[in-house]
Protein backbone atom coordinates (compact mmCIF):
# COMPACT_ATOMS: atom_id res chain seq x y z
CA MET A 1 -45.33 -8.66 -48.51
CA GLY A 2 -47.04 -8.51 -44.98
CA ALA A 3 -49.85 -11.70 -44.18
CA ARG A 4 -52.85 -9.22 -44.89
CA GLU A 5 -51.74 -8.11 -48.02
CA ARG A 6 -50.91 -11.26 -48.87
CA PHE A 7 -53.83 -12.99 -48.95
CA ARG A 8 -55.91 -9.86 -50.18
CA GLN A 9 -53.90 -11.01 -53.29
CA LEU A 10 -54.86 -14.84 -53.11
CA LEU A 11 -58.74 -13.91 -52.86
CA ALA A 12 -58.21 -11.28 -55.44
CA GLN A 13 -56.17 -13.19 -57.91
CA ALA A 14 -56.04 -17.19 -57.67
CA PRO A 15 -58.39 -18.52 -60.32
CA ALA A 16 -61.05 -20.24 -58.94
CA ASP A 17 -60.34 -23.49 -60.15
CA ALA A 18 -57.34 -23.58 -58.16
CA GLU A 19 -56.97 -26.44 -55.69
CA ALA A 20 -56.25 -25.30 -52.37
CA ILE A 21 -56.80 -27.91 -49.26
CA GLU A 22 -57.05 -31.60 -49.60
CA PHE A 23 -59.61 -33.06 -46.88
CA ASP A 24 -61.34 -36.01 -46.99
CA LEU A 25 -59.11 -36.78 -50.13
CA ARG A 26 -61.57 -34.13 -51.57
CA TRP A 27 -59.89 -30.34 -52.68
CA THR A 28 -61.61 -27.40 -51.92
CA THR A 29 -60.53 -24.93 -54.51
CA TRP A 30 -59.50 -21.10 -54.18
CA GLY A 31 -62.94 -19.90 -55.70
CA THR A 32 -64.23 -21.27 -52.33
CA ILE A 33 -62.33 -19.92 -50.42
CA GLN A 34 -63.10 -16.66 -51.85
CA SER A 35 -67.03 -17.04 -52.07
CA ILE A 36 -66.79 -17.93 -48.04
CA ALA A 37 -65.11 -14.58 -47.78
CA ARG A 38 -67.26 -12.64 -49.64
CA ALA A 39 -70.49 -13.65 -47.43
CA LEU A 40 -68.61 -13.40 -44.60
CA ASP A 41 -67.61 -9.67 -45.52
CA GLU A 42 -70.92 -8.65 -46.62
CA ILE A 43 -72.60 -10.24 -43.35
CA LEU A 44 -70.00 -8.09 -41.29
CA LEU A 45 -70.18 -5.18 -43.04
CA ALA A 46 -73.62 -5.02 -42.67
CA ARG A 47 -73.45 -5.47 -39.14
CA GLY A 48 -71.16 -2.45 -38.96
CA LEU A 49 -67.60 -4.54 -37.80
CA GLY A 50 -64.96 -3.72 -40.55
CA PRO A 51 -61.72 -3.81 -39.96
CA GLY A 52 -60.06 -4.15 -36.40
CA ALA A 53 -63.25 -6.17 -35.70
CA ARG A 54 -63.21 -8.77 -33.38
CA VAL A 55 -64.67 -12.03 -34.53
CA GLY A 56 -64.71 -15.60 -33.19
CA LEU A 57 -64.25 -18.64 -34.46
CA ILE A 58 -64.83 -21.84 -33.07
CA MET A 59 -61.84 -23.52 -34.51
CA GLU A 60 -61.81 -26.97 -36.15
CA ASN A 61 -59.33 -28.79 -38.84
CA ARG A 62 -61.48 -27.87 -41.82
CA PRO A 63 -61.12 -26.60 -45.34
CA GLU A 64 -64.04 -23.79 -44.47
CA HIS A 65 -62.90 -22.82 -41.28
CA VAL A 66 -59.29 -22.55 -42.55
CA ALA A 67 -61.69 -19.98 -45.27
CA VAL A 68 -62.46 -17.78 -42.55
CA ILE A 69 -58.87 -17.00 -41.54
CA ILE A 70 -57.61 -16.07 -44.24
CA ALA A 71 -61.22 -13.88 -44.61
CA LEU A 72 -60.44 -12.39 -41.61
CA LEU A 73 -56.30 -11.42 -42.41
CA ALA A 74 -57.00 -10.10 -45.73
CA THR A 75 -60.10 -7.92 -44.48
CA ASP A 76 -57.64 -6.14 -41.28
CA ARG A 77 -60.15 -8.40 -38.74
CA ILE A 78 -59.28 -10.16 -35.78
CA VAL A 79 -59.27 -13.93 -35.71
CA VAL A 80 -60.37 -14.78 -31.66
CA SER A 81 -59.96 -18.76 -31.48
CA PHE A 82 -61.90 -21.05 -29.54
CA SER A 83 -61.19 -24.62 -29.28
CA SER A 84 -64.12 -27.26 -30.69
CA LEU A 85 -62.07 -30.01 -28.87
CA GLN A 86 -63.02 -28.54 -25.44
CA PRO A 87 -66.47 -30.18 -24.09
CA PRO A 88 -69.40 -27.57 -24.41
CA ALA A 89 -69.66 -25.99 -20.79
CA ARG A 90 -66.16 -24.97 -21.08
CA LEU A 91 -66.50 -23.95 -24.65
CA ALA A 92 -69.49 -21.88 -23.34
CA ALA A 93 -67.14 -20.26 -20.88
CA ASP A 94 -64.80 -19.24 -22.94
CA ILE A 95 -66.82 -18.08 -25.61
CA VAL A 96 -68.52 -15.65 -22.52
CA ARG A 97 -65.12 -15.02 -21.67
CA GLY A 98 -64.05 -13.82 -24.99
CA ASN A 99 -66.66 -11.46 -25.19
CA VAL A 100 -66.59 -11.39 -29.40
CA GLY A 101 -69.92 -8.92 -30.70
CA VAL A 102 -69.44 -12.36 -33.46
CA LEU A 103 -68.91 -16.56 -33.39
CA VAL A 104 -68.37 -18.45 -36.20
CA GLY A 105 -68.80 -22.02 -35.67
CA SER A 106 -70.34 -25.18 -37.55
CA PRO A 107 -74.21 -25.97 -36.74
CA ALA A 108 -72.51 -29.28 -35.05
CA GLN A 109 -70.15 -26.93 -32.94
CA LEU A 110 -73.13 -24.64 -31.88
CA ALA A 111 -75.73 -27.13 -30.84
CA GLY A 112 -73.35 -27.83 -28.21
CA GLU A 113 -74.98 -27.72 -24.97
CA GLY A 114 -74.76 -23.62 -23.70
CA VAL A 115 -72.67 -22.56 -27.01
CA ARG A 116 -75.19 -20.42 -28.58
CA ALA A 117 -76.47 -18.52 -25.11
CA ALA A 118 -73.05 -18.04 -24.32
CA ALA A 119 -72.70 -16.06 -27.79
CA ASP A 120 -75.73 -13.74 -26.45
CA PRO A 121 -75.72 -11.13 -27.85
CA ALA A 122 -73.18 -11.90 -30.68
CA LEU A 123 -74.24 -12.05 -33.85
CA VAL A 124 -73.77 -16.11 -35.01
CA LEU A 125 -72.77 -17.52 -37.72
CA GLU A 126 -73.14 -20.64 -39.23
CA LEU A 127 -70.35 -22.23 -40.98
CA THR A 128 -71.04 -25.57 -43.94
CA ALA A 129 -68.25 -26.28 -46.30
CA ASP A 130 -68.95 -23.78 -48.83
CA ASP A 131 -71.03 -20.96 -47.30
CA VAL A 132 -71.47 -18.88 -44.27
CA VAL A 133 -74.54 -17.86 -43.14
CA ALA A 134 -76.86 -15.31 -40.26
CA ALA A 135 -78.73 -17.59 -37.82
CA GLY A 136 -80.68 -14.49 -37.24
CA PRO A 137 -80.91 -11.13 -38.39
CA VAL A 138 -78.20 -8.92 -39.14
CA ASP A 139 -78.33 -5.67 -38.04
CA LYS A 140 -76.37 -3.05 -37.27
CA THR A 141 -75.29 -1.96 -34.10
CA GLU A 142 -73.78 0.23 -32.31
CA PRO A 143 -70.12 -0.77 -31.58
CA ARG A 144 -68.61 -1.71 -28.57
CA PRO A 145 -65.16 -0.92 -27.58
CA ALA A 146 -64.84 -4.68 -26.71
CA ASP A 147 -65.80 -5.33 -30.42
CA PHE A 148 -62.35 -3.55 -32.10
CA ALA A 149 -58.68 -4.13 -31.23
CA PRO A 150 -56.39 -2.00 -33.72
CA GLY A 151 -53.16 -3.70 -34.76
CA VAL A 152 -53.83 -7.54 -33.46
CA ALA A 153 -53.97 -9.93 -36.07
CA VAL A 154 -55.49 -13.26 -34.39
CA GLU A 155 -56.18 -13.30 -30.26
CA MET A 156 -55.71 -17.44 -29.82
CA LEU A 157 -55.08 -19.23 -27.03
CA THR A 158 -52.28 -21.34 -25.34
CA SER A 159 -52.12 -24.54 -24.78
CA GLY A 160 -53.20 -25.01 -21.35
CA THR A 161 -50.68 -27.55 -20.18
CA THR A 162 -50.65 -26.65 -16.42
CA GLY A 163 -53.81 -24.57 -15.96
CA PRO A 164 -56.73 -22.84 -17.73
CA PRO A 165 -55.62 -21.39 -20.46
CA LYS A 166 -54.66 -17.70 -21.77
CA ARG A 167 -56.17 -15.71 -24.22
CA VAL A 168 -52.74 -14.07 -26.07
CA LEU A 169 -52.49 -11.31 -28.54
CA LEU A 170 -50.94 -11.65 -31.71
CA ARG A 171 -49.82 -8.24 -33.25
CA GLU A 172 -49.31 -7.53 -37.27
CA LEU A 173 -46.13 -7.01 -36.36
CA GLN A 174 -44.98 -10.78 -35.07
CA VAL A 175 -47.36 -12.69 -37.48
CA ASP A 176 -45.57 -10.57 -40.73
CA THR A 177 -42.21 -11.62 -38.92
CA ALA A 178 -42.91 -14.87 -38.22
CA LEU A 179 -43.80 -15.73 -41.96
CA ALA A 180 -41.37 -13.89 -43.22
CA THR A 181 -39.36 -15.73 -41.18
CA SER A 182 -40.63 -19.37 -41.98
CA ALA A 183 -42.99 -19.01 -45.14
CA PRO A 184 -41.75 -16.15 -47.51
CA GLU A 185 -44.37 -15.98 -50.55
CA PRO A 186 -42.92 -17.02 -54.14
CA PRO A 187 -40.68 -15.06 -55.90
CA GLY A 188 -41.48 -12.51 -58.73
CA ASP A 189 -44.92 -12.33 -59.98
CA ARG A 190 -45.76 -16.53 -59.07
CA LEU A 191 -48.96 -16.67 -56.80
CA PHE A 192 -48.28 -20.62 -55.97
CA ARG A 193 -45.09 -23.06 -55.51
CA SER A 194 -45.13 -26.50 -55.82
CA GLY A 195 -45.55 -29.28 -53.42
CA VAL A 196 -48.33 -30.12 -50.76
CA ALA A 197 -47.66 -29.54 -46.92
CA ILE A 198 -49.66 -31.85 -44.95
CA VAL A 199 -51.11 -30.06 -41.56
CA VAL A 200 -52.50 -32.78 -38.65
CA THR A 201 -51.52 -31.09 -35.80
CA PRO A 202 -55.20 -28.98 -34.72
CA MET A 203 -55.25 -25.18 -35.46
CA VAL A 204 -56.15 -24.01 -32.65
CA HIS A 205 -52.63 -24.52 -31.24
CA ILE A 206 -49.51 -22.17 -32.64
CA GLY A 207 -48.41 -25.17 -34.63
CA GLY A 208 -51.41 -26.19 -36.81
CA PHE A 209 -52.60 -22.34 -37.38
CA TRP A 210 -49.51 -22.16 -39.10
CA GLY A 211 -48.97 -25.24 -40.47
CA ALA A 212 -52.39 -24.35 -42.64
CA VAL A 213 -51.83 -20.50 -43.09
CA ALA A 214 -47.86 -19.85 -43.18
CA SER A 215 -48.50 -23.04 -45.84
CA LEU A 216 -50.90 -21.14 -47.89
CA TYR A 217 -49.25 -18.02 -47.36
CA ALA A 218 -45.99 -19.47 -49.13
CA GLY A 219 -48.18 -20.46 -52.44
CA ARG A 220 -48.80 -24.43 -51.07
CA ARG A 221 -51.06 -26.20 -51.11
CA ILE A 222 -52.10 -28.39 -47.95
CA ALA A 223 -53.43 -32.15 -46.91
CA LEU A 224 -55.25 -31.09 -43.72
CA PHE A 225 -56.78 -33.54 -41.28
CA ALA A 226 -58.82 -33.62 -38.07
CA LYS A 227 -56.11 -35.27 -35.98
CA PHE A 228 -53.32 -37.41 -36.79
CA GLN A 229 -53.57 -41.21 -37.34
CA LEU A 230 -51.06 -43.08 -38.30
CA ASP A 231 -52.55 -44.36 -41.73
CA SER A 232 -54.32 -41.34 -43.32
CA TRP A 233 -50.88 -39.96 -42.89
CA VAL A 234 -48.56 -42.19 -43.99
CA ALA A 235 -50.72 -42.19 -47.21
CA ALA A 236 -51.04 -38.47 -47.86
CA VAL A 237 -47.07 -38.99 -47.81
CA GLU A 238 -47.00 -41.48 -50.54
CA ARG A 239 -49.14 -39.42 -52.22
CA HIS A 240 -48.27 -36.27 -52.07
CA ARG A 241 -44.44 -37.36 -51.32
CA PRO A 242 -43.12 -34.51 -49.40
CA ALA A 243 -39.58 -33.31 -48.78
CA ALA A 244 -40.89 -31.70 -45.38
CA ALA A 245 -44.10 -32.88 -42.78
CA GLY A 246 -44.46 -31.58 -39.37
CA ILE A 247 -45.37 -33.89 -36.58
CA VAL A 248 -45.45 -34.13 -32.67
CA PRO A 249 -43.31 -36.36 -30.34
CA ALA A 250 -46.23 -38.93 -29.47
CA ALA A 251 -46.83 -38.96 -33.05
CA ILE A 252 -42.91 -39.62 -34.41
CA ARG A 253 -43.45 -42.52 -31.52
CA THR A 254 -46.38 -43.94 -33.19
CA VAL A 255 -44.74 -44.47 -36.83
CA LEU A 256 -41.58 -45.99 -34.90
CA THR A 257 -43.97 -48.71 -32.98
CA ALA A 258 -45.80 -49.19 -35.99
CA ARG A 259 -42.47 -49.65 -37.26
CA VAL A 260 -44.03 -48.35 -40.99
CA PRO A 261 -41.78 -49.33 -44.13
CA ALA A 262 -39.00 -47.23 -45.19
CA GLU A 263 -39.98 -47.00 -48.64
CA LYS A 264 -43.68 -45.18 -47.74
CA LEU A 265 -41.43 -42.45 -46.24
CA ALA A 266 -39.15 -42.50 -48.85
CA SER A 267 -39.88 -38.72 -49.87
CA LEU A 268 -39.42 -37.03 -46.38
CA LYS A 269 -36.05 -35.60 -45.50
CA VAL A 270 -36.61 -34.11 -42.59
CA ILE A 271 -39.47 -33.89 -39.78
CA THR A 272 -39.98 -30.91 -37.93
CA SER A 273 -41.28 -31.25 -34.14
CA GLY A 274 -42.48 -28.54 -32.07
CA THR A 275 -44.69 -28.28 -28.80
CA THR A 276 -42.99 -30.22 -26.23
CA PHE A 277 -39.87 -31.47 -25.94
CA CYS A 278 -38.68 -34.53 -28.52
CA PRO A 279 -37.11 -37.48 -26.84
CA THR A 280 -33.40 -37.67 -28.63
CA ASP A 281 -34.02 -41.47 -28.82
CA LEU A 282 -36.71 -40.73 -30.95
CA ILE A 283 -34.64 -38.61 -33.17
CA ASP A 284 -31.77 -40.94 -33.54
CA ALA A 285 -34.22 -43.97 -34.46
CA MET A 286 -35.98 -42.02 -36.86
CA LEU A 287 -32.40 -41.10 -38.25
CA GLU A 288 -31.06 -44.93 -37.91
CA ARG A 289 -34.21 -46.56 -39.39
CA TYR A 290 -35.39 -44.23 -42.29
CA GLY A 291 -32.73 -41.91 -43.04
CA ILE A 292 -35.24 -38.96 -41.34
CA ARG A 293 -33.72 -36.22 -39.46
CA VAL A 294 -36.37 -34.92 -36.89
CA LEU A 295 -35.66 -30.98 -36.47
CA PRO A 296 -36.68 -30.24 -32.64
CA THR A 297 -38.15 -26.15 -32.59
CA TYR A 298 -38.84 -23.98 -29.48
CA GLY A 299 -41.28 -21.37 -29.16
CA ALA A 300 -44.40 -20.29 -27.71
CA THR A 301 -47.91 -19.12 -28.55
CA GLU A 302 -46.88 -15.23 -27.02
CA PHE A 303 -43.54 -15.24 -29.70
CA ALA A 304 -46.59 -16.23 -32.51
CA GLY A 305 -44.09 -19.33 -33.60
CA ALA A 306 -40.64 -20.19 -33.55
CA ILE A 307 -37.64 -18.66 -31.59
CA ALA A 308 -34.97 -21.31 -32.05
CA PHE A 309 -34.99 -24.06 -34.43
CA TRP A 310 -32.45 -26.91 -36.19
CA THR A 311 -31.58 -26.41 -39.53
CA ALA A 312 -30.99 -30.21 -41.51
CA ALA A 313 -27.42 -28.18 -42.21
CA MET A 314 -26.90 -27.80 -38.54
CA HIS A 315 -28.36 -31.17 -37.41
CA GLU A 316 -25.90 -32.40 -39.77
CA LYS A 317 -23.24 -31.05 -38.06
CA TYR A 318 -23.59 -30.49 -35.26
CA TRP A 319 -26.73 -33.13 -33.58
CA PRO A 320 -23.36 -35.77 -32.68
CA THR A 321 -22.33 -33.35 -29.97
CA LYS A 322 -25.39 -31.10 -28.96
CA ALA A 323 -28.24 -33.66 -28.81
CA GLY A 324 -31.16 -32.47 -26.82
CA SER A 325 -31.04 -28.82 -27.60
CA ALA A 326 -33.75 -26.89 -29.15
CA GLY A 327 -31.33 -25.31 -31.64
CA ARG A 328 -30.10 -21.59 -31.91
CA PRO A 329 -32.45 -18.37 -32.12
CA VAL A 330 -34.58 -17.77 -35.31
CA PRO A 331 -33.14 -14.62 -37.59
CA GLY A 332 -34.31 -12.04 -36.03
CA VAL A 333 -34.36 -13.21 -32.47
CA GLU A 334 -32.30 -12.40 -29.66
CA LEU A 335 -32.30 -14.76 -26.41
CA ARG A 336 -30.34 -14.36 -23.14
CA VAL A 337 -30.54 -16.00 -19.86
CA THR A 338 -30.15 -14.42 -16.65
CA GLY A 339 -29.61 -14.84 -12.84
CA PRO A 340 -32.49 -13.84 -10.07
CA ASP A 341 -31.00 -10.52 -10.38
CA GLY A 342 -31.90 -9.94 -13.85
CA ALA A 343 -28.52 -9.81 -14.74
CA ALA A 344 -27.32 -11.96 -18.01
CA LEU A 345 -25.62 -14.86 -17.35
CA PRO A 346 -22.74 -16.49 -18.80
CA ALA A 347 -22.44 -19.22 -21.58
CA GLY A 348 -23.36 -22.66 -19.98
CA GLN A 349 -25.31 -20.93 -16.57
CA GLN A 350 -28.71 -22.44 -16.17
CA GLY A 351 -31.59 -19.18 -16.04
CA VAL A 352 -34.81 -18.10 -17.15
CA LEU A 353 -34.83 -17.33 -20.79
CA GLU A 354 -35.76 -14.08 -22.26
CA ALA A 355 -36.17 -13.19 -25.79
CA ARG A 356 -35.87 -10.31 -27.60
CA GLY A 357 -37.16 -9.05 -31.46
CA ALA A 358 -40.01 -8.90 -33.66
CA GLN A 359 -41.86 -12.03 -33.08
CA SER A 360 -42.03 -10.24 -29.52
CA PRO A 361 -45.02 -9.25 -27.29
CA ALA A 362 -42.66 -6.79 -25.91
CA GLY A 363 -41.23 -5.69 -29.08
CA THR A 364 -38.21 -5.01 -30.82
CA GLN A 365 -36.58 -3.55 -28.34
CA ALA A 366 -37.59 -4.90 -24.58
CA TRP A 367 -36.51 -8.58 -23.19
CA GLN A 368 -39.43 -10.70 -23.15
CA ARG A 369 -39.38 -13.02 -19.97
CA THR A 370 -40.29 -16.57 -20.62
CA SER A 371 -41.08 -19.44 -18.08
CA ASP A 372 -38.49 -21.59 -19.37
CA LEU A 373 -35.44 -22.84 -17.29
CA ALA A 374 -32.29 -22.81 -20.04
CA SER A 375 -28.89 -22.15 -20.77
CA ILE A 376 -26.94 -21.37 -24.02
CA ASP A 377 -23.69 -22.83 -24.33
CA SER A 378 -21.00 -21.09 -26.13
CA ASP A 379 -21.77 -22.32 -29.61
CA GLY A 380 -25.17 -20.27 -29.32
CA PHE A 381 -27.31 -23.41 -28.82
CA LEU A 382 -30.32 -23.43 -26.44
CA TRP A 383 -30.74 -25.81 -24.03
CA ILE A 384 -34.30 -26.05 -21.72
CA HIS A 385 -34.14 -27.47 -18.52
CA GLY A 386 -37.98 -27.09 -17.00
CA ARG A 387 -40.35 -24.53 -16.42
CA VAL A 388 -39.96 -21.44 -13.63
CA ASP A 389 -43.30 -22.24 -12.19
CA ASP A 390 -43.27 -26.35 -12.78
CA ALA A 391 -41.22 -26.93 -9.21
CA ILE A 392 -43.16 -28.72 -6.51
CA ILE A 393 -42.72 -27.43 -3.19
CA ARG A 394 -42.58 -30.57 -1.03
CA GLY A 395 -42.83 -29.63 3.06
CA GLY A 396 -40.19 -27.24 1.90
CA PHE A 397 -37.94 -29.13 -0.94
CA LYS A 398 -37.76 -28.55 -4.28
CA VAL A 399 -38.92 -31.57 -7.02
CA HIS A 400 -38.48 -30.85 -10.18
CA PRO A 401 -41.36 -32.93 -12.51
CA GLU A 402 -38.61 -33.41 -15.15
CA THR A 403 -36.40 -35.15 -12.82
CA VAL A 404 -39.82 -37.23 -12.03
CA LYS A 405 -40.41 -37.68 -15.27
CA SER A 406 -37.34 -38.94 -16.34
CA ALA A 407 -36.64 -41.20 -14.26
CA LEU A 408 -39.61 -43.15 -14.70
CA GLU A 409 -39.15 -43.43 -17.91
CA ARG A 410 -36.13 -45.07 -17.66
CA HIS A 411 -37.97 -48.57 -16.70
CA PRO A 412 -38.05 -50.32 -19.41
CA ALA A 413 -41.95 -50.70 -19.08
CA VAL A 414 -42.79 -46.81 -19.38
CA HIS A 415 -43.57 -45.55 -22.29
CA GLU A 416 -44.11 -42.21 -21.27
CA ALA A 417 -44.51 -40.70 -17.87
CA ALA A 418 -46.49 -37.12 -16.19
CA VAL A 419 -45.98 -35.80 -13.19
CA ALA A 420 -48.30 -33.52 -11.46
CA PRO A 421 -48.69 -31.90 -7.76
CA LEU A 422 -51.62 -33.29 -5.42
CA PRO A 423 -52.49 -30.65 -2.48
CA ASP A 424 -51.57 -32.55 0.89
CA ASP A 425 -52.51 -30.93 4.22
CA ARG A 426 -49.22 -32.03 5.69
CA LEU A 427 -46.33 -31.15 3.18
CA GLY A 428 -47.75 -28.45 1.36
CA PHE A 429 -48.20 -30.38 -2.42
CA VAL A 430 -46.35 -34.17 -3.30
CA PRO A 431 -45.61 -35.18 -6.64
CA VAL A 432 -47.56 -37.64 -8.35
CA ALA A 433 -47.39 -39.63 -11.52
CA ALA A 434 -48.67 -41.46 -14.02
CA VAL A 435 -47.12 -43.79 -17.07
CA GLU A 436 -48.77 -45.13 -20.88
CA LEU A 437 -46.67 -48.39 -20.92
CA GLU A 438 -45.04 -49.85 -23.39
CA PRO A 439 -47.36 -52.31 -25.78
CA GLY A 440 -47.51 -55.64 -24.13
CA ALA A 441 -45.74 -54.60 -20.60
CA GLU A 442 -47.54 -55.16 -17.20
CA VAL A 443 -46.04 -53.24 -13.98
CA ASP A 444 -47.69 -51.34 -11.68
CA GLY A 445 -47.61 -48.22 -9.85
CA GLU A 446 -46.06 -49.74 -6.94
CA GLU A 447 -43.03 -51.44 -8.59
CA LEU A 448 -42.70 -47.71 -10.71
CA ARG A 449 -42.09 -45.85 -7.02
CA ARG A 450 -40.31 -48.25 -5.88
CA PHE A 451 -38.02 -48.22 -9.04
CA CYS A 452 -37.67 -44.30 -8.46
CA ARG A 453 -36.48 -45.05 -5.03
CA ASP A 454 -33.07 -46.49 -6.56
CA VAL A 455 -32.85 -43.17 -8.66
CA LEU A 456 -34.03 -40.09 -7.25
CA LEU A 457 -33.59 -38.43 -3.49
CA PRO A 458 -36.28 -39.44 -1.13
CA TYR A 459 -38.79 -36.84 -1.33
CA GLU A 460 -38.51 -36.32 -5.21
CA VAL A 461 -40.03 -40.33 -5.27
CA PRO A 462 -44.07 -40.06 -6.22
CA ALA A 463 -46.24 -40.04 -3.50
CA HIS A 464 -48.65 -42.25 -6.21
CA VAL A 465 -48.02 -43.99 -9.59
CA VAL A 466 -50.88 -44.52 -11.62
CA VAL A 467 -51.04 -46.92 -14.32
CA LEU A 468 -53.41 -45.15 -16.79
CA ASP A 469 -53.86 -46.46 -20.97
CA ALA A 470 -53.66 -42.91 -22.23
CA LEU A 471 -52.56 -39.68 -20.79
CA PRO A 472 -54.64 -37.24 -21.02
CA ARG A 473 -53.80 -34.51 -23.70
CA THR A 474 -54.22 -30.85 -24.82
CA PRO A 475 -55.17 -30.32 -28.21
CA SER A 476 -51.00 -29.72 -28.60
CA TYR A 477 -50.47 -33.05 -28.32
CA LYS A 478 -48.53 -32.02 -24.88
CA VAL A 479 -50.12 -33.75 -21.47
CA SER A 480 -52.39 -31.98 -20.20
CA ARG A 481 -51.69 -31.45 -16.01
CA ILE A 482 -55.09 -30.45 -15.48
CA ASP A 483 -56.95 -33.52 -16.25
CA LEU A 484 -54.15 -35.38 -15.10
CA LEU A 485 -54.14 -35.09 -11.74
CA GLU A 486 -57.81 -34.83 -11.41
CA LEU A 487 -57.88 -38.78 -13.16
CA ILE A 488 -55.06 -39.52 -10.55
CA GLU A 489 -57.46 -37.93 -7.58
CA ALA A 490 -60.06 -40.22 -8.81
CA ARG A 491 -58.25 -43.23 -9.06
CA LEU A 492 -57.21 -42.43 -5.55
CA ARG A 493 -60.39 -41.71 -4.47
CA ARG A 494 -61.70 -45.44 -5.66
CA ALA A 495 -58.35 -47.03 -4.28
CA ALA A 496 -59.14 -45.64 -0.54
């Protein structure tokens, strides 16, 4: 059953008093979701925006925002996501670029400076906990070609770690395939399954979006959080006792650093981890301390989620010899690695990763090139070695940020490091780095540069290393290289 049909079924048949989404320890029922869906549909039809219409949503991890997503998918419309985590000026600019005919957001989101003006001439809808209302008159207008995108289900932003986020079109086939692979609907005539899924990743990112949408599609209730907070997350695990959960590597590290008592996490058998590479030491530590297997996944917004993964059975059998791998392709996805001439490379050789299958934006037959350098071993396991476009060219020498990052993180005082390219008049670019320190550790940038000279080639040593209280992050918890560079440049200007 496709996503649209499944959510139509739930909106039509779910009992009004059935629990759907827990938020702030209160349950939103399917009756509330159905009410929001009806109100939204009436407004959009009055505006002349039926199936295929693009509707902008300033997305936030709240039950009413999930209700809008479900309503749009069920009525054959398109969810156009905007990030509520952006400063108002960036959000306004994104809304202008999005060019939607309708914009939905909470009163607080819409009150941001310049946000409503950016939406003009779109119809603005204010979203509350149990209703959606038009901020002005709803007049039927002559539809614009830009107001419709047949065959598309979601327009979503990428994470924007290395540059401005791009808008990606996820077609219905991609969405249906990803859901069928990761979250099949309940068997037989059942509407629901037992259990509660805990969602802490922002829904504006593909991981958080799937955490909410796929769980409801599969018939599970969800416990939704605005963001990851250790105590609240642990309490939810104790309360709902899930066997599986999904959190990012930074959150896994927080659990380990806090030394959460094992009995509080006793129900968990596996944790899935995506958005960025999960260090093997975190995975091994979770298994040793809690008996929880951390299962890395590899994917991208363009592929509607994961295209390679670990299962618990694979992890038990292969992790000792395949630690650090991104796993094997998900069912229905083919992966290959190609060289500079585009030809497929043998097992073990490093090149550019390509994928094909129903989750690919290129369709089921064409190979879709990614931005990642990878290899695939003789057992079919995928290894990611960095990004094709990540290299910093320093006076003609190529520096891979991951190499510098790994070197810095070998220092016992460094909790996490990140590297960015700084423009240089003589060399073109030079690598610069920022680090978060382990609790109680003390070290300065020059000492870290001296440490790097012992483990890196001379041209790989970062020109500057700064110590930050916290690395800047995107909504998906990846380090934002744009914001990182701004912070480093500001620190260097103050020091000059």
